[in-house]
């Protein structure tokens, strides 16, 4: 008699394969997750997490005196204590014909869950960083309600905010944090030495009206995207790497104009946890409520938190759009 593959056997395969595929999909699609100061979620420490801010040291103006040690400086720090949030969802599968983990139908479900996780966690970061106190309105407008559809983002707006960031001491991304797959430890890799501007697809097309930016984007269009440093890169231009994200929501002002938000960052402007705590779950088929093994659920859950570290090292630029 041949060996039978039971639903329990297949379920174990699904759990392992689903976890890897969902995490892979989520990592590929997250955008804002790439640019925060990466913090570990502490193990066995309840729901609390602490983000640490470091104040800059004063400039030394007096030369050293030979044989005399200087007084030294005290490193000032401040801690931001926060409560970790949890996000998650699940789907119910009633057609178990394609139960094998690598069946096309199951692949599509992993992709759907991974996309949802990515969008949800990126939105959680956006909801924090979009509340930064440094805001500019396109075309020299002074309020959100003063923006018209024709007040599109121009590179002059970006240039002005880049100057402010530099004057405030913001640093370009000389390095970015990532998690080493083999050890799961945080490691630093080289950045591209630019500030980062995250825009939605409509604002991307508005920027293409700037001929210099357009030519830079065209010239860089044939680069090897498989080895791209950042997910969503459009172009590097004038000290800024422009990133596309379709996860930035629009809002309407009192004039019913769709307001588009673009986010400009220096390194360590904000902190966030990463996808280390993204877990997948599979329940069924079988159990008291499913005696004929007809139903299975697939889901994900993640712990996450983001926090602004320095408002002066970031900017929110609001604009209309021609698209």
Protein backbone atom coordinates (compact mmCIF):
# COMPACT_ATOMS: atom_id res chain seq x y z
CA UNK A 1 0.00 0.00 0.00
CA UNK A 2 1.41 3.38 -0.99
CA UNK A 3 2.26 6.14 1.45
CA UNK A 4 -0.50 8.76 1.66
CA UNK A 5 0.11 12.47 2.03
CA UNK A 6 -2.29 13.79 4.65
CA UNK A 7 -3.60 17.32 5.04
CA UNK A 8 -1.45 17.57 8.17
CA UNK A 9 1.69 16.83 6.15
CA UNK A 10 0.77 19.37 3.51
CA UNK A 11 -0.20 21.93 6.14
CA UNK A 12 3.31 21.85 7.61
CA UNK A 13 4.78 22.47 4.16
CA UNK A 14 2.34 25.32 3.60
CA UNK A 15 3.25 26.98 6.92
CA UNK A 16 6.99 26.98 6.20
CA UNK A 17 6.72 27.94 2.55
CA UNK A 18 4.06 30.58 3.21
CA UNK A 19 6.20 32.26 5.86
CA UNK A 20 9.17 32.59 3.50
CA UNK A 21 7.12 33.75 0.51
CA UNK A 22 5.00 36.27 2.43
CA UNK A 23 8.04 37.84 4.09
CA UNK A 24 9.87 38.00 0.75
CA UNK A 25 6.92 39.75 -0.88
CA UNK A 26 6.49 42.17 2.01
CA UNK A 27 10.18 43.13 2.03
CA UNK A 28 10.15 43.74 -1.71
CA UNK A 29 7.24 46.17 -1.52
CA UNK A 30 7.99 48.23 1.57
CA UNK A 31 9.40 51.70 0.89
CA UNK A 32 9.51 53.83 4.04
CA UNK A 33 10.79 50.84 5.97
CA UNK A 34 14.14 51.31 4.18
CA UNK A 35 15.04 54.76 5.49
CA UNK A 36 14.44 54.78 9.23
CA UNK A 37 17.01 54.15 11.94
CA UNK A 38 16.39 50.44 12.41
CA UNK A 39 15.51 49.28 15.92
CA UNK A 40 15.08 45.77 17.24
CA UNK A 41 11.86 44.85 18.97
CA UNK A 42 13.16 43.70 22.36
CA UNK A 43 12.48 40.09 23.24
CA UNK A 44 10.62 39.37 26.46
CA UNK A 45 10.05 43.04 27.23
CA UNK A 46 6.29 43.29 26.90
CA UNK A 47 4.93 45.86 24.49
CA UNK A 48 7.41 48.63 25.24
CA UNK A 49 10.19 49.93 23.02
CA UNK A 50 12.65 52.77 23.55
CA UNK A 51 14.02 55.01 20.79
CA UNK A 52 17.10 57.05 21.71
CA UNK A 53 17.89 60.56 20.47
CA UNK A 54 21.42 61.96 20.65
CA UNK A 55 22.06 65.71 20.79
CA UNK A 56 24.91 67.15 18.75
CA UNK A 57 28.04 68.26 20.57
CA UNK A 58 28.96 71.95 20.60
CA UNK A 59 31.56 73.18 18.13
CA UNK A 60 35.05 73.50 19.62
CA UNK A 61 36.19 77.12 19.15
CA UNK A 62 39.20 77.32 21.46
CA UNK A 63 42.52 75.70 20.49
CA UNK A 64 44.06 73.17 22.83
CA UNK A 65 46.69 74.32 25.30
CA UNK A 66 49.82 72.23 25.27
CA UNK A 67 49.93 69.87 28.22
CA UNK A 68 46.42 70.76 29.40
CA UNK A 69 43.54 68.34 28.88
CA UNK A 70 40.27 69.94 27.77
CA UNK A 71 37.25 69.76 30.05
CA UNK A 72 35.47 67.41 27.67
CA UNK A 73 31.82 67.33 26.70
CA UNK A 74 28.84 65.45 28.03
CA UNK A 75 26.86 63.42 25.56
CA UNK A 76 23.21 64.36 25.97
CA UNK A 77 20.58 61.78 25.16
CA UNK A 78 16.83 61.65 25.41
CA UNK A 79 14.64 58.59 25.25
CA UNK A 80 11.29 58.21 23.56
CA UNK A 81 9.29 55.40 25.09
CA UNK A 82 6.55 53.94 22.93
CA UNK A 83 4.11 51.06 22.89
CA UNK A 84 4.50 48.56 20.08
CA UNK A 85 1.46 48.16 17.85
CA UNK A 86 0.29 44.95 16.24
CA UNK A 87 -1.20 44.59 12.77
CA UNK A 88 -2.59 41.55 11.00
CA UNK A 89 -5.30 39.91 8.94
CA UNK A 90 -6.28 36.55 7.48
CA UNK A 91 -8.15 35.04 4.56
CA UNK A 92 -10.39 31.98 4.47
CA UNK A 93 -9.87 29.32 1.80
CA UNK A 94 -12.74 26.99 1.02
CA UNK A 95 -11.41 25.41 -2.18
CA UNK A 96 -8.69 23.00 -1.07
CA UNK A 97 -8.11 21.53 -4.53
CA UNK A 98 -4.84 23.43 -4.78
CA UNK A 99 -3.66 22.62 -1.29
CA UNK A 100 -0.04 21.95 -2.24
CA UNK A 101 2.12 24.90 -1.13
CA UNK A 102 3.59 25.64 -4.55
CA UNK A 103 0.31 25.44 -6.44
CA UNK A 104 -0.33 28.59 -8.47
CA UNK A 105 -3.49 29.33 -6.50
CA UNK A 106 -1.54 29.25 -3.23
CA UNK A 107 1.25 31.39 -4.70
CA UNK A 108 -1.29 34.08 -5.50
CA UNK A 109 -2.57 34.01 -1.93
CA UNK A 110 0.95 34.44 -0.52
CA UNK A 111 1.42 37.43 -2.80
CA UNK A 112 -1.86 38.98 -1.71
CA UNK A 113 -1.00 38.57 1.97
CA UNK A 114 2.56 39.83 1.48
CA UNK A 115 1.31 42.89 -0.38
CA UNK A 116 -1.23 43.62 2.34
CA UNK A 117 1.43 43.30 5.05
CA UNK A 118 3.79 45.62 3.17
CA UNK A 119 1.15 48.26 2.57
CA UNK A 120 -0.11 48.08 6.14
CA UNK A 121 3.31 48.40 7.76
CA UNK A 122 4.45 51.14 5.39
CA UNK A 123 1.24 53.05 6.15
CA UNK A 124 1.98 52.71 9.87
CA UNK A 125 5.34 54.42 9.30
CA UNK A 126 3.76 57.05 7.05
CA UNK A 127 1.15 57.90 9.67
CA UNK A 128 4.00 58.86 12.01
CA UNK A 129 6.49 60.62 9.74
CA UNK A 130 3.80 62.58 7.86
CA UNK A 131 3.04 64.39 11.12
CA UNK A 132 6.46 66.04 11.15
CA UNK A 133 6.41 69.74 11.98
CA UNK A 134 8.48 70.86 8.97
CA UNK A 135 6.08 71.41 6.07
CA UNK A 136 6.33 73.28 2.77
CA UNK A 137 3.49 74.02 0.38
CA UNK A 138 4.29 74.03 -3.34
CA UNK A 139 4.47 77.23 -5.38
CA UNK A 140 5.07 79.39 -2.28
CA UNK A 141 1.58 78.79 -0.92
CA UNK A 142 1.28 79.13 2.85
CA UNK A 143 -1.51 76.69 3.72
CA UNK A 144 -2.94 73.40 2.50
CA UNK A 145 -6.26 75.05 1.71
CA UNK A 146 -4.43 77.58 -0.45
CA UNK A 147 -3.16 74.88 -2.81
CA UNK A 148 -4.72 74.55 -6.26
CA UNK A 149 -4.43 71.65 -8.71
CA UNK A 150 -1.90 73.72 -10.68
CA UNK A 151 0.41 74.08 -7.66
CA UNK A 152 2.51 71.07 -8.62
CA UNK A 153 5.78 70.04 -7.01
CA UNK A 154 8.76 71.61 -8.76
CA UNK A 155 12.41 70.97 -8.15
CA UNK A 156 12.80 74.46 -6.70
CA UNK A 157 10.61 73.33 -3.78
CA UNK A 158 12.85 70.31 -3.23
CA UNK A 159 16.00 72.39 -3.55
CA UNK A 160 14.80 74.83 -0.87
CA UNK A 161 14.10 72.02 1.60
CA UNK A 162 17.42 70.33 0.86
CA UNK A 163 19.15 73.59 1.76
CA UNK A 164 17.20 73.76 5.02
CA UNK A 165 18.08 70.17 5.90
CA UNK A 166 21.76 70.81 5.28
CA UNK A 167 21.66 74.02 7.32
CA UNK A 168 20.06 72.04 10.16
CA UNK A 169 22.89 69.51 10.13
CA UNK A 170 20.98 66.66 8.50
CA UNK A 171 23.22 63.98 7.05
CA UNK A 172 22.87 62.30 3.69
CA UNK A 173 22.41 58.53 3.61
CA UNK A 174 26.02 57.41 3.74
CA UNK A 175 24.81 54.11 5.16
CA UNK A 176 21.52 52.28 5.63
CA UNK A 177 20.53 49.58 8.08
CA UNK A 178 19.48 46.15 6.95
CA UNK A 179 19.05 42.77 8.57
CA UNK A 180 21.48 40.01 7.71
CA UNK A 181 19.50 36.98 6.58
CA UNK A 182 21.89 34.39 8.03
CA UNK A 183 22.09 35.80 11.58
CA UNK A 184 19.07 38.15 11.68
CA UNK A 185 21.37 40.79 13.16
CA UNK A 186 21.21 44.43 12.07
CA UNK A 187 24.12 45.43 9.86
CA UNK A 188 24.99 48.63 8.04
CA UNK A 189 25.60 48.82 4.31
CA UNK A 190 26.77 51.76 2.23
CA UNK A 191 24.15 54.28 1.15
CA UNK A 192 24.41 56.44 -1.95
CA UNK A 193 25.34 59.68 -0.17
CA UNK A 194 22.08 61.47 -1.03
CA UNK A 195 19.00 62.66 0.78
CA UNK A 196 15.83 60.70 -0.04
CA UNK A 197 12.59 62.07 -1.50
CA UNK A 198 9.57 59.74 -1.58
CA UNK A 199 6.82 60.74 -4.04
CA UNK A 200 3.65 59.15 -5.39
CA UNK A 201 3.31 58.27 -9.12
CA UNK A 202 1.39 61.46 -9.93
CA UNK A 203 4.02 63.71 -8.38
CA UNK A 204 6.66 61.68 -10.21
CA UNK A 205 5.09 62.75 -13.49
CA UNK A 206 4.87 66.36 -12.29
CA UNK A 207 8.63 66.30 -11.65
CA UNK A 208 9.17 65.04 -15.19
CA UNK A 209 8.13 68.51 -16.38
CA UNK A 210 11.52 69.68 -15.08
CA UNK A 211 13.73 69.02 -18.11
CA UNK A 212 16.92 68.52 -16.09
CA UNK A 213 15.28 65.98 -13.80
CA UNK A 214 13.62 64.27 -16.77
CA UNK A 215 16.95 63.83 -18.54
CA UNK A 216 18.54 62.43 -15.38
CA UNK A 217 15.70 59.91 -15.04
CA UNK A 218 15.93 58.91 -18.72
CA UNK A 219 19.71 58.53 -18.52
CA UNK A 220 19.42 56.26 -15.46
CA UNK A 221 16.44 54.24 -16.71
CA UNK A 222 18.55 51.38 -18.05
CA UNK A 223 20.43 50.72 -14.81
CA UNK A 224 20.42 47.24 -13.29
CA UNK A 225 17.24 47.36 -11.20
CA UNK A 226 17.92 43.91 -9.76
CA UNK A 227 20.86 45.37 -7.84
CA UNK A 228 19.20 48.70 -7.02
CA UNK A 229 20.14 49.99 -3.58
CA UNK A 230 16.62 51.17 -2.72
CA UNK A 231 13.26 49.73 -3.72
CA UNK A 232 11.35 52.15 -5.96
CA UNK A 233 14.27 54.30 -7.13
CA UNK A 234 13.37 56.68 -9.98
CA UNK A 235 16.53 58.76 -10.30
CA UNK A 236 19.40 60.36 -8.43
CA UNK A 237 19.48 64.08 -9.07
CA UNK A 238 21.11 67.09 -7.46
CA UNK A 239 21.98 65.34 -4.20
CA UNK A 240 18.60 63.63 -3.83
CA UNK A 241 17.51 60.07 -4.59
CA UNK A 242 13.86 60.14 -5.68
CA UNK A 243 11.79 57.10 -4.70
CA UNK A 244 8.36 56.11 -5.99
CA UNK A 245 5.68 54.79 -3.64
CA UNK A 246 2.04 54.08 -4.44
CA UNK A 247 1.28 53.77 -0.73
CA UNK A 248 1.10 57.50 0.05
CA UNK A 249 -2.53 58.57 0.50
CA UNK A 250 -3.97 61.82 -0.83
CA UNK A 251 -6.30 64.12 1.09
CA UNK A 252 -8.70 66.81 -0.09
CA UNK A 253 -8.48 70.41 1.06
CA UNK A 254 -11.50 72.64 1.53
CA UNK A 255 -11.40 73.45 -2.18
CA UNK A 256 -11.83 69.73 -3.01
CA UNK A 257 -8.31 69.62 -4.47
CA UNK A 258 -6.42 66.33 -4.11
CA UNK A 259 -3.37 67.13 -2.00
CA UNK A 260 -0.29 65.00 -2.63
CA UNK A 261 2.34 64.49 0.05
CA UNK A 262 6.05 64.05 -0.69
CA UNK A 263 8.52 63.17 2.07
CA UNK A 264 12.15 64.31 2.20
CA UNK A 265 14.54 62.70 4.68
CA UNK A 266 18.06 62.82 5.94
CA UNK A 267 19.65 59.87 7.72
CA UNK A 268 18.25 59.12 11.20
CA UNK A 269 15.34 61.54 10.80
CA UNK A 270 13.08 58.79 12.11
CA UNK A 271 13.31 55.29 13.52
CA UNK A 272 11.27 52.20 12.87
CA UNK A 273 11.20 48.51 13.55
CA UNK A 274 11.55 46.20 10.56
CA UNK A 275 9.81 43.03 9.43
CA UNK A 276 11.66 40.74 11.86
CA UNK A 277 8.43 40.08 13.77
CA UNK A 278 6.25 39.38 10.73
CA UNK A 279 4.71 35.97 11.31
CA UNK A 280 2.35 33.90 9.23
CA UNK A 281 -0.39 31.64 10.51
CA UNK A 282 -2.30 28.69 9.12
CA UNK A 283 -5.32 27.11 10.74
CA UNK A 284 -7.11 24.01 9.47
CA UNK A 285 -8.32 22.21 7.60
CA UNK A 286 -10.10 20.24 10.28
CA UNK A 287 -11.14 20.84 13.86
CA UNK A 288 -14.43 20.95 15.70
CA UNK A 289 -15.87 23.68 13.48
CA UNK A 290 -14.61 22.01 10.29
CA UNK A 291 -15.32 18.28 10.68
CA UNK A 292 -15.07 17.55 6.95
CA UNK A 293 -11.78 19.43 6.48
CA UNK A 294 -13.16 21.93 3.98
CA UNK A 295 -11.82 25.21 5.33
CA UNK A 296 -8.36 26.63 5.93
CA UNK A 297 -7.24 30.12 6.96
CA UNK A 298 -3.97 31.83 6.08
CA UNK A 299 -2.94 35.00 7.86
CA UNK A 300 -0.16 37.27 9.04
CA UNK A 301 0.59 39.36 12.10
CA UNK A 302 3.39 41.82 12.80
CA UNK A 303 4.58 44.02 15.64
CA UNK A 304 5.75 47.45 14.51
CA UNK A 305 6.46 51.01 15.64
CA UNK A 306 7.91 54.19 14.16
CA UNK A 307 9.06 57.41 15.80
CA UNK A 308 10.35 60.81 14.62
CA UNK A 309 13.87 61.43 15.94
CA UNK A 310 14.58 64.87 14.50
CA UNK A 311 11.95 67.09 12.84
CA UNK A 312 14.67 69.33 11.42
CA UNK A 313 16.07 66.48 9.33
CA UNK A 314 12.88 65.81 7.39
CA UNK A 315 10.21 67.69 5.46
CA UNK A 316 6.69 67.13 4.25
CA UNK A 317 6.00 68.87 0.95
CA UNK A 318 2.35 69.20 -0.06
CA UNK A 319 1.24 69.97 -3.60
CA UNK A 320 -1.48 69.62 -6.16
CA UNK A 321 -0.90 67.54 -9.27
CA UNK A 322 -1.61 67.83 -12.96
CA UNK A 323 -2.49 64.12 -13.01
